[in-house]
Amino acid sequence: MLRLLIVDDEAPLLELLKRYLERLGYQVKTAFTPADALKEFEADPAYDLVLTDLSFSDLNGEDLIERMRAINPRLAAIVASGFPHQPRLAGVEFLQKPFLPKMLAEMVEKALKTSR
């Protein structure tokens, strides 16, 4: 079973994404802050994909991905934001908020394929 880590500071959105992705057959963990996500990831880096919001007060989503990839270079990654964004890191997909569940499912599938 593929493992995903979702990082977002909007609790209702985090829970909604978790439930949706679990219904698609993924094993999903969530984190409310980049610090929590790093702690979880460092304890168990065997995740296949991280989906993170771009903007946080302490560490942005791409910096978080960079730190995680230093531990697990094959980690697939998606950054989401309500503002247009061009990822600076190779192999990072961008998902514009708001998005439909179908768009999320397609992006997760695409990111997982590209990372293998």
Foldseek 3Di string as FASTA:
>chain_A
DAEEEEEAQPVVVQVVLCVLVVVVPYHYDYDNDLVRVVVVCVVPVPHQEYEYEQDDPPAGPLRSVVVSCVVVVLYFYEYEYCDDDDDPDPLYHYDHPPDDSVVVVVVVVVSSVVSD
